[in-house]
Amino acid sequence: MDGCGMESAECRARMDERVTRLEVIVESQDQKLDEVLQLLHASKLGLGALKGLIYLGLAIVGAWAALKGVK
């Protein structure tokens, strides 16, 4: 008997099962993290676009106010 308390082949088989389950869990978490990173990237792009639209709006309002002030 070894440290597992059973025959060596059976111990190895159980360890292989545990490793396989852990690999499945890690793969699942990797996929979820990839989805979160994609969402964050999309949010960042959306925020950049929104910021650009705000600056464009401010520029238009500023130009309009300047023209109104000239007349």
Protein backbone atom coordinates (compact mmCIF):
# COMPACT_ATOMS: atom_id res chain seq x y z
CA MET A 1 0.00 0.00 0.00
CA ASP A 2 1.09 3.57 -0.61
CA GLY A 3 0.14 7.00 0.79
CA CYS A 4 -3.32 6.84 -0.80
CA GLY A 5 -4.28 3.82 1.26
CA MET A 6 -5.01 1.69 -1.81
CA GLU A 7 -3.25 0.02 -4.67
CA SER A 8 -0.99 2.30 -6.72
CA ALA A 9 -2.95 1.97 -9.99
CA GLU A 10 -6.24 2.78 -8.24
CA CYS A 11 -4.61 5.76 -6.51
CA ARG A 12 -3.27 7.04 -9.82
CA ALA A 13 -6.70 6.63 -11.42
CA ARG A 14 -8.37 8.67 -8.68
CA MET A 15 -5.71 11.36 -8.93
CA ASP A 16 -6.19 11.46 -12.72
CA GLU A 17 -9.95 11.92 -12.20
CA ARG A 18 -9.33 14.79 -9.80
CA VAL A 19 -6.87 16.44 -12.18
CA THR A 20 -9.36 16.07 -15.04
CA ARG A 21 -12.14 17.65 -12.96
CA LEU A 22 -9.86 20.53 -11.99
CA GLU A 23 -8.87 21.06 -15.63
CA VAL A 24 -12.56 21.24 -16.60
CA ILE A 25 -13.21 23.78 -13.84
CA VAL A 26 -10.21 25.89 -14.85
CA GLU A 27 -11.27 25.81 -18.52
CA SER A 28 -14.78 26.91 -17.56
CA GLN A 29 -13.41 29.79 -15.49
CA ASP A 30 -11.08 30.80 -18.32
CA GLN A 31 -14.05 31.01 -20.69
CA LYS A 32 -15.99 33.13 -18.19
CA LEU A 33 -13.02 35.44 -17.70
CA ASP A 34 -12.63 35.79 -21.47
CA GLU A 35 -16.30 36.83 -21.69
CA VAL A 36 -15.83 39.39 -18.90
CA LEU A 37 -12.72 40.78 -20.62
CA GLN A 38 -14.63 41.07 -23.90
CA LEU A 39 -17.44 42.93 -22.13
CA LEU A 40 -14.96 45.28 -20.46
CA HIS A 41 -13.27 45.95 -23.79
CA ALA A 42 -16.63 46.66 -25.45
CA SER A 43 -17.59 48.95 -22.57
CA LYS A 44 -14.30 50.80 -22.92
CA LEU A 45 -14.91 51.29 -26.65
CA GLY A 46 -18.47 52.43 -25.97
CA LEU A 47 -17.28 54.84 -23.32
CA GLY A 48 -14.71 56.26 -25.73
CA ALA A 49 -17.39 56.76 -28.38
CA LEU A 50 -19.72 58.41 -25.86
CA LYS A 51 -16.91 60.70 -24.72
CA GLY A 52 -16.26 61.66 -28.35
CA LEU A 53 -19.95 62.47 -28.88
CA ILE A 54 -19.99 64.61 -25.74
CA TYR A 55 -16.96 66.58 -26.96
CA LEU A 56 -18.59 66.99 -30.39
CA GLY A 57 -21.77 68.26 -28.74
CA LEU A 58 -19.79 70.70 -26.60
CA ALA A 59 -17.94 71.95 -29.68
CA ILE A 60 -21.23 72.50 -31.54
CA VAL A 61 -22.77 74.33 -28.58
CA GLY A 62 -19.61 76.42 -28.20
CA ALA A 63 -19.60 77.32 -31.90
CA TRP A 64 -23.30 78.16 -31.80
CA ALA A 65 -22.81 80.34 -28.69
CA ALA A 66 -19.87 82.11 -30.36
CA LEU A 67 -21.93 82.83 -33.50
CA LYS A 68 -24.87 84.07 -31.43
CA GLY A 69 -22.52 86.31 -29.49
CA VAL A 70 -21.06 87.82 -32.69
CA LYS A 71 -24.44 88.87 -34.09
